[in-house]
Amino acid sequence: MTRPTTALRALLESGEPFLAADCYSALTGRIVEQAGFRAAYMGGHATSMMHYAIPDNGIYTPTEAIEQAGRVAEAISIPLIIDADGPGDTVADVYRSIRRYERVGVAGIHMEDEVTPKHSAWEGALMPIEQMQEKIEAAVSARTDPDFIIIARCDEFYHEGGGGTNSFDEALARGLAYEEAGADVFLPTFAEETQIAALREHLTIPIGAYGSLKPGVTISLATGWGVASAATVHQKWAAHLMEHGDLPEEAFAFDNKDSLIDQGLYDDLIGKWARRRDLPLRSSE
């Protein structure tokens, strides 16, 4: 069986553009896999919001992210890419985080160059290029599996809510520096098609993006919609239950639930155990 890391690297090296679809839990990872996606993506905003009800401003810790990532990686066979934020304040923190991500079965991570507290009331900036290079180098040196993917996210084009100034020259300088440090993919957040095309003229590593696949992009991380739709539906039925005291049958509809949670596998296992001990079985047996 191909390792998830090897599968992800093969996808990137094929040059064929692909989407890594949104998940924030083991179940949603299974849903993404069952839908046919070749990779899954666990975003920091989605996961921290769903599991801890906190914003994506840097308070979601590497320990929390690794814990959730391991649960998802265990449940799926397709590669899992993680939003690792920093991942940590120092090169030592980064090194240990990458080692732990590898051990729990993650296929790759992206690390970003925004300074915490990010996406907040503070109008922060991006970290110096040299500092981001040092973190990338620490991440590269930490991996024991050479196929583990290091994606360098750059927020230079994220000038409203991020720390960038929307300078193409700065984004290019960062892309070249991050590639030199050993990054496998450059992810310029919110880059436009013309900017992506211009970056490709200078970079040799693949370029990533968020949302739908844009021309020139090899991998796109389609995130945010999963947790938003789940929360919206939960709000809807919670309000209905509060107002009416009960719920319609459609509130409990869940297609393919048994296959998503391996119900048949465990039923067979328990059935064999019960027969071996001559224990009673339910009528469905």
Protein backbone atom coordinates (compact mmCIF):
# COMPACT_ATOMS: atom_id res chain seq x y z
CA MET A 1 0.00 0.00 0.00
CA THR A 2 1.37 3.42 -0.98
CA ARG A 3 2.17 5.68 1.94
CA PRO A 4 0.13 8.91 2.11
CA THR A 5 3.33 10.97 1.93
CA THR A 6 4.45 9.17 -1.23
CA ALA A 7 0.98 9.53 -2.74
CA LEU A 8 0.94 13.27 -2.07
CA ARG A 9 4.40 13.81 -3.53
CA ALA A 10 3.41 11.81 -6.61
CA LEU A 11 0.34 14.01 -7.05
CA LEU A 12 2.50 17.14 -6.90
CA GLU A 13 5.18 15.80 -9.20
CA SER A 14 2.63 14.65 -11.78
CA GLY A 15 1.86 18.28 -12.53
CA GLU A 16 -1.84 17.51 -12.79
CA PRO A 17 -3.80 20.11 -10.78
CA PHE A 18 -5.83 18.74 -7.87
CA LEU A 19 -7.99 19.86 -4.97
CA ALA A 20 -7.46 18.96 -1.33
CA ALA A 21 -10.94 19.20 0.18
CA ASP A 22 -12.03 20.61 3.51
CA CYS A 23 -12.23 18.43 6.61
CA TYR A 24 -12.05 19.17 10.31
CA SER A 25 -12.68 15.74 11.87
CA ALA A 26 -12.27 12.02 11.22
CA LEU A 27 -15.82 11.77 9.90
CA THR A 28 -15.50 14.71 7.50
CA GLY A 29 -12.18 13.25 6.34
CA ARG A 30 -14.00 10.05 5.46
CA ILE A 31 -16.68 12.04 3.64
CA VAL A 32 -14.04 13.82 1.55
CA GLU A 33 -12.39 10.52 0.71
CA GLN A 34 -15.68 8.84 -0.15
CA ALA A 35 -16.56 11.76 -2.44
CA GLY A 36 -13.50 10.89 -4.52
CA PHE A 37 -10.97 13.56 -3.59
CA ARG A 38 -7.33 12.47 -3.80
CA ALA A 39 -6.27 14.54 -0.78
CA ALA A 40 -7.84 16.14 2.29
CA TYR A 41 -7.04 19.46 3.94
CA MET A 42 -7.54 20.31 7.61
CA GLY A 43 -7.58 24.09 7.90
CA GLY A 44 -6.72 25.84 11.13
CA HIS A 45 -9.71 28.18 11.02
CA ALA A 46 -12.20 25.36 10.45
CA THR A 47 -10.69 23.00 13.00
CA SER A 48 -10.12 25.50 15.79
CA MET A 49 -13.63 26.88 15.32
CA MET A 50 -15.31 23.47 15.34
CA HIS A 51 -13.37 21.81 18.16
CA TYR A 52 -12.47 24.72 20.42
CA ALA A 53 -14.79 27.60 19.40
CA ILE A 54 -11.85 29.99 19.07
CA PRO A 55 -10.71 32.29 16.24
CA ASP A 56 -7.82 31.68 13.88
CA ASN A 57 -5.46 34.26 15.37
CA GLY A 58 -2.66 31.98 16.52
CA ILE A 59 -4.07 30.71 19.83
CA TYR A 60 -4.80 27.28 18.34
CA THR A 61 -1.68 25.46 19.48
CA PRO A 62 0.51 22.94 17.62
CA THR A 63 -0.34 20.35 20.28
CA GLU A 64 -4.07 20.78 19.64
CA ALA A 65 -3.58 20.68 15.87
CA ILE A 66 -1.45 17.53 16.03
CA GLU A 67 -4.01 15.80 18.24
CA GLN A 68 -6.84 16.49 15.81
CA ALA A 69 -4.66 15.66 12.79
CA GLY A 70 -3.85 12.21 14.14
CA ARG A 71 -7.54 11.37 14.46
CA VAL A 72 -8.19 12.34 10.86
CA ALA A 73 -5.10 10.64 9.43
CA GLU A 74 -6.01 7.39 11.18
CA ALA A 75 -9.48 7.40 9.62
CA ILE A 76 -8.56 7.96 5.97
CA SER A 77 -6.22 6.46 3.38
CA ILE A 78 -5.80 9.54 1.18
CA PRO A 79 -3.07 12.08 2.04
CA LEU A 80 -3.89 14.65 4.71
CA ILE A 81 -2.46 18.17 4.55
CA ILE A 82 -2.51 20.26 7.72
CA ASP A 83 -2.59 23.99 8.33
CA ALA A 84 0.26 24.11 10.85
CA ASP A 85 0.34 27.91 11.26
CA GLY A 86 3.84 28.71 12.66
CA PRO A 87 4.25 25.85 13.61
CA GLY A 88 5.83 27.17 16.80
CA ASP A 89 7.80 30.23 17.86
CA THR A 90 11.35 28.94 17.42
CA VAL A 91 13.19 26.63 15.05
CA ALA A 92 13.26 24.06 17.87
CA ASP A 93 9.45 24.25 18.16
CA VAL A 94 9.11 23.82 14.40
CA TYR A 95 11.45 20.83 14.37
CA ARG A 96 9.52 19.01 17.09
CA SER A 97 6.14 19.82 15.55
CA ILE A 98 7.15 18.37 12.18
CA ARG A 99 8.41 15.20 13.84
CA ARG A 100 5.09 14.83 15.63
CA TYR A 101 3.03 15.51 12.50
CA GLU A 102 4.95 12.76 10.73
CA ARG A 103 4.36 10.29 13.55
CA VAL A 104 0.58 10.76 13.53
CA GLY A 105 0.36 10.04 9.80
CA VAL A 106 0.09 13.49 8.22
CA ALA A 107 1.34 13.67 4.61
CA GLY A 108 2.27 17.35 4.59
CA ILE A 109 1.83 20.70 6.26
CA HIS A 110 1.85 24.33 5.33
CA MET A 111 3.53 26.92 7.49
CA GLU A 112 2.95 30.64 7.16
CA ASP A 113 4.95 33.83 7.43
CA GLU A 114 2.46 35.97 9.34
CA VAL A 115 3.33 37.01 12.88
CA THR A 116 0.91 36.16 15.69
CA PRO A 117 -1.55 37.32 16.85
CA LYS A 118 -2.58 37.07 13.21
CA HIS A 119 -5.94 37.87 11.58
CA SER A 120 -6.77 40.05 14.58
CA ALA A 121 -7.44 43.63 15.62
CA TRP A 122 -3.68 44.18 15.53
CA GLU A 123 -2.46 45.27 12.12
CA GLY A 124 0.62 43.09 12.18
CA ALA A 125 3.23 42.34 9.59
CA LEU A 126 4.95 39.37 8.03
CA MET A 127 8.03 37.97 9.69
CA PRO A 128 11.40 38.81 8.12
CA ILE A 129 12.29 36.60 5.16
CA GLU A 130 15.38 35.24 6.91
CA GLN A 131 13.31 34.13 9.91
CA MET A 132 10.84 32.28 7.68
CA GLN A 133 13.73 30.65 5.85
CA GLU A 134 15.11 29.43 9.17
CA LYS A 135 11.76 27.89 10.06
CA ILE A 136 11.45 26.17 6.68
CA GLU A 137 14.99 24.81 7.00
CA ALA A 138 14.14 23.47 10.46
CA ALA A 139 11.02 21.79 9.08
CA VAL A 140 12.94 20.23 6.20
CA SER A 141 15.67 18.93 8.50
CA ALA A 142 13.10 17.50 10.92
CA ARG A 143 11.38 15.17 8.48
CA THR A 144 12.47 11.55 8.52
CA ASP A 145 10.33 10.69 5.50
CA PRO A 146 11.74 12.53 2.45
CA ASP A 147 8.28 12.46 0.84
CA PHE A 148 6.71 14.52 3.65
CA ILE A 149 5.61 17.79 2.02
CA ILE A 150 6.53 21.24 3.33
CA ILE A 151 4.34 24.00 1.88
CA ALA A 152 5.43 27.61 2.48
CA ARG A 153 2.46 29.93 2.72
CA CYS A 154 3.06 33.60 2.02
CA ASP A 155 0.49 36.22 3.05
CA GLU A 156 2.00 39.14 1.14
CA PHE A 157 -1.15 39.42 -1.01
CA TYR A 158 -3.35 39.07 2.09
CA HIS A 159 -3.37 42.81 2.78
CA GLU A 160 -6.87 43.08 4.28
CA GLY A 161 -6.87 41.02 7.46
CA GLY A 162 -3.40 39.64 6.91
CA GLY A 163 0.06 41.08 7.26
CA GLY A 164 0.96 41.69 3.63
CA THR A 165 1.41 44.89 1.64
CA ASN A 166 0.21 43.48 -1.71
CA SER A 167 3.64 43.88 -3.30
CA PHE A 168 4.42 41.47 -6.11
CA ASP A 169 8.15 42.08 -5.78
CA GLU A 170 8.02 41.20 -2.08
CA ALA A 171 5.97 38.06 -2.77
CA LEU A 172 8.45 36.96 -5.44
CA ALA A 173 11.41 37.61 -3.14
CA ARG A 174 9.75 35.48 -0.49
CA GLY A 175 8.88 32.73 -2.95
CA LEU A 176 12.48 32.50 -4.15
CA ALA A 177 13.79 32.54 -0.58
CA TYR A 178 11.35 29.89 0.59
CA GLU A 179 12.21 27.68 -2.37
CA GLU A 180 15.90 28.11 -1.57
CA ALA A 181 15.22 27.08 2.04
CA GLY A 182 13.74 23.78 0.82
CA ALA A 183 9.98 24.32 0.58
CA ASP A 184 8.22 21.86 -1.74
CA VAL A 185 5.32 24.20 -2.64
CA PHE A 186 4.84 27.98 -2.55
CA LEU A 187 1.36 29.12 -1.48
CA PRO A 188 0.79 32.85 -2.11
CA THR A 189 -2.53 33.50 -0.39
CA PHE A 190 -5.05 35.46 -2.52
CA ALA A 191 -2.72 35.73 -5.51
CA GLU A 192 -4.53 36.62 -8.73
CA GLU A 193 -4.12 34.68 -11.96
CA THR A 194 -1.74 37.24 -13.46
CA GLN A 195 0.38 37.18 -10.30
CA ILE A 196 0.47 33.38 -10.30
CA ALA A 197 1.58 33.35 -13.92
CA ALA A 198 4.35 35.84 -13.16
CA LEU A 199 5.51 33.85 -10.13
CA ARG A 200 5.69 30.67 -12.21
CA GLU A 201 8.20 32.35 -14.51
CA HIS A 202 10.68 32.52 -11.64
CA LEU A 203 9.89 29.58 -9.34
CA THR A 204 10.56 25.92 -10.07
CA ILE A 205 8.45 24.47 -7.23
CA PRO A 206 4.67 24.05 -7.63
CA ILE A 207 2.34 26.89 -6.66
CA GLY A 208 -0.65 26.38 -4.39
CA ALA A 209 -3.79 28.38 -3.74
CA TYR A 210 -7.04 28.43 -1.79
CA GLY A 211 -10.49 27.77 -3.20
CA SER A 212 -11.05 26.61 -6.75
CA LEU A 213 -8.20 25.63 -9.05
CA LYS A 214 -6.77 28.62 -10.88
CA PRO A 215 -4.60 28.47 -14.01
CA GLY A 216 -0.99 27.85 -13.03
CA VAL A 217 -1.85 26.27 -9.68
CA THR A 218 -0.94 22.64 -8.96
CA ILE A 219 -2.76 22.23 -5.64
CA SER A 220 -5.67 24.17 -4.22
CA LEU A 221 -6.94 23.91 -0.65
CA ALA A 222 -10.74 24.08 -0.69
CA THR A 223 -11.59 24.99 2.88
CA GLY A 224 -14.15 26.78 5.05
CA TRP A 225 -17.35 25.44 3.50
CA GLY A 226 -17.50 22.27 5.59
CA VAL A 227 -17.55 23.80 9.04
CA ALA A 228 -19.75 26.68 7.89
CA SER A 229 -22.41 24.37 6.48
CA ALA A 230 -22.28 22.06 9.51
CA ALA A 231 -22.69 24.96 11.94
CA THR A 232 -25.51 26.46 9.88
CA VAL A 233 -27.47 23.20 9.87
CA HIS A 234 -26.88 22.72 13.59
CA GLN A 235 -28.16 26.24 14.28
CA LYS A 236 -31.23 25.56 12.15
CA TRP A 237 -32.26 22.37 13.93
CA ALA A 238 -31.37 23.69 17.40
CA ALA A 239 -33.69 26.65 16.83
CA HIS A 240 -36.42 24.35 15.50
CA LEU A 241 -36.15 22.03 18.51
CA MET A 242 -36.26 24.96 20.91
CA GLU A 243 -39.34 26.40 19.24
CA HIS A 244 -41.31 23.21 18.54
CA GLY A 245 -40.03 20.70 21.09
CA ASP A 246 -39.33 18.03 18.49
CA LEU A 247 -37.62 17.50 15.16
CA PRO A 248 -38.76 16.18 11.77
CA GLU A 249 -37.31 12.96 10.37
CA GLU A 250 -35.20 14.89 7.88
CA ALA A 251 -33.11 16.23 10.76
CA PHE A 252 -31.79 12.69 11.30
CA ALA A 253 -31.17 11.82 7.64
CA PHE A 254 -27.55 10.79 7.08
CA ASP A 255 -26.63 9.10 3.80
CA ASN A 256 -23.98 6.39 3.92
CA LYS A 257 -23.56 6.65 7.68
CA ASP A 258 -22.83 2.94 8.12
CA SER A 259 -20.07 2.89 5.50
CA LEU A 260 -18.51 6.08 6.85
CA ILE A 261 -18.16 4.67 10.37
CA ASP A 262 -17.28 1.07 9.37
CA GLN A 263 -20.48 -0.27 10.92
CA GLY A 264 -20.37 -3.45 8.86
CA LEU A 265 -16.78 -4.20 9.77
CA TYR A 266 -17.47 -4.00 13.50
CA ASP A 267 -20.78 -5.87 13.22
CA ASP A 268 -18.96 -8.74 11.50
CA LEU A 269 -16.20 -8.72 14.10
CA ILE A 270 -18.62 -8.78 17.01
CA GLY A 271 -20.84 -11.34 15.29
CA LYS A 272 -17.93 -13.77 14.90
CA TRP A 273 -16.98 -13.26 18.55
CA ALA A 274 -20.55 -13.92 19.68
CA ARG A 275 -20.87 -17.09 17.58
CA ARG A 276 -17.56 -18.43 18.91
CA ARG A 277 -18.89 -18.04 22.45
CA ASP A 278 -22.35 -19.29 21.51
CA LEU A 279 -23.89 -15.98 22.58
CA PRO A 280 -27.26 -14.72 21.32
CA LEU A 281 -27.33 -12.59 18.17
CA ARG A 282 -29.79 -9.93 17.11
CA SER A 283 -32.29 -10.87 14.43
CA SER A 284 -30.36 -8.90 11.82
CA GLU A 285 -27.58 -11.47 12.21
